[in-house]
Amino acid sequence: MRMPDPDTAILSVCTTCRAAGDVSEPRAGAKLLAALLAEAGREPVPGLTIEGAECLSVCKRPCTVAVVSPDRWTYVYGDFDALEDPDTSARTLLAGLRRYLETPDGVVPWRERPEAFRKGVVARIPPLRVPHETPGQEFRERHSAGPEPEVSEP
């Protein structure tokens, strides 16, 4: 199994997010995704992949994004404005993600986080730790190292 590059991250943008009372199409989340892709085209963030996600289930805090990276904490952020000023939201997100990718564990010091990250955090999820062995693996390997020994009958 190929492990992902530790210097990469994926930003998932909820494309179904809709601000309260907004019935316009495309939805606010899709507008935020478009603004992020445009801004990243102008000022790329090395190692960052930006993609849409159908729903992040944080409907009370639109617009919502999630960032995940190998060996780093995963964050879910909400409350990004994609109706009035999606470009500013995109610049804020990308600035915060540049800092995120500069850290070994994804934890940017509190005062160095953009205000929108400090106020908009919905969840912080610990890094996935993949053990080198699954429980009982050593026992199974030791006891299945070949064919059953032959037993001679007297």
Protein backbone atom coordinates (compact mmCIF):
# COMPACT_ATOMS: atom_id res chain seq x y z
CA MET A 1 0.00 0.00 0.00
CA ARG A 2 1.45 3.35 -1.06
CA MET A 3 1.38 5.99 1.68
CA PRO A 4 0.46 9.56 0.74
CA ASP A 5 3.18 12.18 0.66
CA PRO A 6 3.39 13.81 4.12
CA ASP A 7 3.82 17.24 2.52
CA THR A 8 0.37 17.13 0.93
CA ALA A 9 -3.11 18.03 2.08
CA ILE A 10 -6.61 17.81 0.67
CA LEU A 11 -9.09 20.60 1.20
CA SER A 12 -12.65 19.36 0.76
CA VAL A 13 -15.21 22.10 0.19
CA CYS A 14 -18.88 21.36 0.83
CA THR A 15 -20.52 22.22 -2.48
CA THR A 16 -24.06 21.79 -1.13
CA CYS A 17 -23.67 24.46 1.57
CA ARG A 18 -26.36 27.09 1.33
CA ALA A 19 -26.61 30.21 3.46
CA ALA A 20 -29.88 30.69 5.38
CA GLY A 21 -32.56 32.02 3.08
CA ASP A 22 -30.38 31.82 -0.02
CA VAL A 23 -32.02 30.04 -2.95
CA SER A 24 -29.56 31.08 -5.65
CA GLU A 25 -27.67 28.66 -7.84
CA PRO A 26 -24.91 27.76 -7.84
CA ARG A 27 -24.98 27.28 -4.10
CA ALA A 28 -22.66 29.21 -1.81
CA GLY A 29 -20.41 26.18 -1.30
CA ALA A 30 -19.91 25.78 -5.05
CA LYS A 31 -19.11 29.51 -5.27
CA LEU A 32 -16.51 29.11 -2.52
CA LEU A 33 -14.96 26.15 -4.35
CA ALA A 34 -14.73 28.20 -7.56
CA ALA A 35 -13.13 31.12 -5.67
CA LEU A 36 -10.62 28.77 -4.02
CA LEU A 37 -9.62 27.18 -7.32
CA ALA A 38 -9.23 30.60 -8.94
CA GLU A 39 -7.16 31.98 -6.06
CA ALA A 40 -5.00 28.82 -5.93
CA GLY A 41 -4.41 29.27 -9.65
CA ARG A 42 -3.04 32.77 -8.95
CA GLU A 43 -1.18 31.93 -5.73
CA PRO A 44 -0.64 28.14 -5.58
CA VAL A 45 -0.20 26.35 -2.28
CA PRO A 46 2.41 23.62 -2.89
CA GLY A 47 1.08 20.18 -1.95
CA LEU A 48 -2.56 21.28 -1.62
CA THR A 49 -5.34 19.60 -3.56
CA ILE A 50 -8.71 21.35 -3.55
CA GLU A 51 -11.84 19.35 -4.29
CA GLY A 52 -15.56 19.53 -3.84
CA ALA A 53 -17.48 17.29 -1.45
CA GLU A 54 -21.19 16.72 -1.82
CA CYS A 55 -21.98 17.34 1.85
CA LEU A 56 -19.97 17.68 5.05
CA SER A 57 -23.11 17.61 7.26
CA VAL A 58 -22.42 20.91 8.98
CA CYS A 59 -25.48 22.62 7.52
CA LYS A 60 -25.86 25.13 10.36
CA ARG A 61 -22.39 26.63 9.69
CA PRO A 62 -22.13 27.29 5.93
CA CYS A 63 -19.82 27.38 4.14
CA THR A 64 -17.86 24.45 5.50
CA VAL A 65 -14.51 22.93 4.55
CA ALA A 66 -12.32 20.10 5.86
CA VAL A 67 -8.56 19.71 5.58
CA VAL A 68 -6.78 16.37 5.94
CA SER A 69 -3.11 15.46 5.62
CA PRO A 70 -0.96 12.45 6.53
CA ASP A 71 0.26 12.54 10.16
CA ARG A 72 -1.48 15.88 10.78
CA TRP A 73 -4.63 16.78 12.66
CA THR A 74 -7.73 17.05 10.48
CA TYR A 75 -9.80 20.21 10.84
CA VAL A 76 -13.34 21.10 9.88
CA TYR A 77 -14.05 24.82 9.59
CA GLY A 78 -17.34 26.60 9.02
CA ASP A 79 -18.83 30.06 8.62
CA PHE A 80 -16.98 31.07 5.45
CA ASP A 81 -18.80 33.77 3.49
CA ALA A 82 -19.29 32.77 -0.12
CA LEU A 83 -22.16 35.12 -0.93
CA GLU A 84 -20.82 38.59 -0.16
CA ASP A 85 -17.10 37.99 -0.54
CA PRO A 86 -16.01 34.50 -1.65
CA ASP A 87 -12.61 35.83 -2.82
CA THR A 88 -11.68 37.07 0.67
CA SER A 89 -12.79 33.75 2.16
CA ALA A 90 -10.65 31.92 -0.39
CA ARG A 91 -7.57 34.03 0.40
CA THR A 92 -8.11 33.52 4.14
CA LEU A 93 -8.42 29.76 3.74
CA LEU A 94 -5.34 29.45 1.56
CA ALA A 95 -3.26 31.61 3.93
CA GLY A 96 -4.26 29.37 6.84
CA LEU A 97 -3.54 26.22 4.86
CA ARG A 98 -0.07 27.45 3.95
CA ARG A 99 0.66 27.66 7.69
CA TYR A 100 -0.99 24.26 8.27
CA LEU A 101 1.32 22.61 5.71
CA GLU A 102 4.37 24.23 7.32
CA THR A 103 3.75 22.35 10.57
CA PRO A 104 4.72 18.72 11.20
CA ASP A 105 1.41 17.93 12.94
CA GLY A 106 -1.08 20.44 11.49
CA VAL A 107 -1.32 22.42 14.71
CA VAL A 108 -0.72 26.08 13.90
CA PRO A 109 -0.12 28.16 17.04
CA TRP A 110 -3.37 29.89 18.05
CA ARG A 111 -2.16 33.45 17.47
CA GLU A 112 -0.79 32.56 14.03
CA ARG A 113 -4.12 31.23 12.78
CA PRO A 114 -6.35 33.48 10.71
CA GLU A 115 -9.24 34.80 12.81
CA ALA A 116 -11.68 32.83 10.66
CA PHE A 117 -9.85 29.63 11.70
CA ARG A 118 -9.93 30.54 15.38
CA LYS A 119 -13.65 31.37 15.33
CA GLY A 120 -14.81 28.91 12.69
CA VAL A 121 -13.36 25.62 13.89
CA VAL A 122 -16.08 22.97 14.00
CA ALA A 123 -13.94 19.92 14.76
CA ARG A 124 -10.35 18.87 15.26
CA ILE A 125 -9.69 15.18 14.62
CA PRO A 126 -6.48 13.38 15.65
CA PRO A 127 -4.17 12.01 12.96
CA LEU A 128 -4.80 8.47 11.82
CA ARG A 129 -2.09 6.28 13.28
CA VAL A 130 -1.60 3.17 11.19
CA PRO A 131 0.09 0.53 13.32
CA HIS A 132 2.86 -1.45 11.67
CA GLU A 133 1.14 -4.64 12.76
CA THR A 134 -2.47 -5.46 13.27
CA PRO A 135 -3.41 -7.07 16.59
CA GLY A 136 -2.46 -10.75 16.51
CA GLN A 137 -0.46 -10.40 13.28
CA GLU A 138 2.79 -11.63 14.85
CA PHE A 139 1.02 -14.70 16.29
CA ARG A 140 -0.60 -15.54 12.95
CA GLU A 141 2.69 -15.13 11.06
CA ARG A 142 4.57 -17.29 13.55
CA HIS A 143 1.96 -20.06 13.42
CA SER A 144 1.31 -20.09 9.70
CA ALA A 145 4.89 -19.99 8.48
CA GLY A 146 4.44 -22.98 6.23
CA PRO A 147 2.64 -26.24 5.80
CA GLU A 148 1.59 -28.23 8.81
CA PRO A 149 4.41 -30.48 10.02
CA GLU A 150 3.96 -34.10 9.16
CA VAL A 151 3.20 -36.37 12.06
CA SER A 152 4.34 -39.94 11.73
CA GLU A 153 2.17 -42.57 13.27
CA PRO A 154 3.80 -45.32 15.34
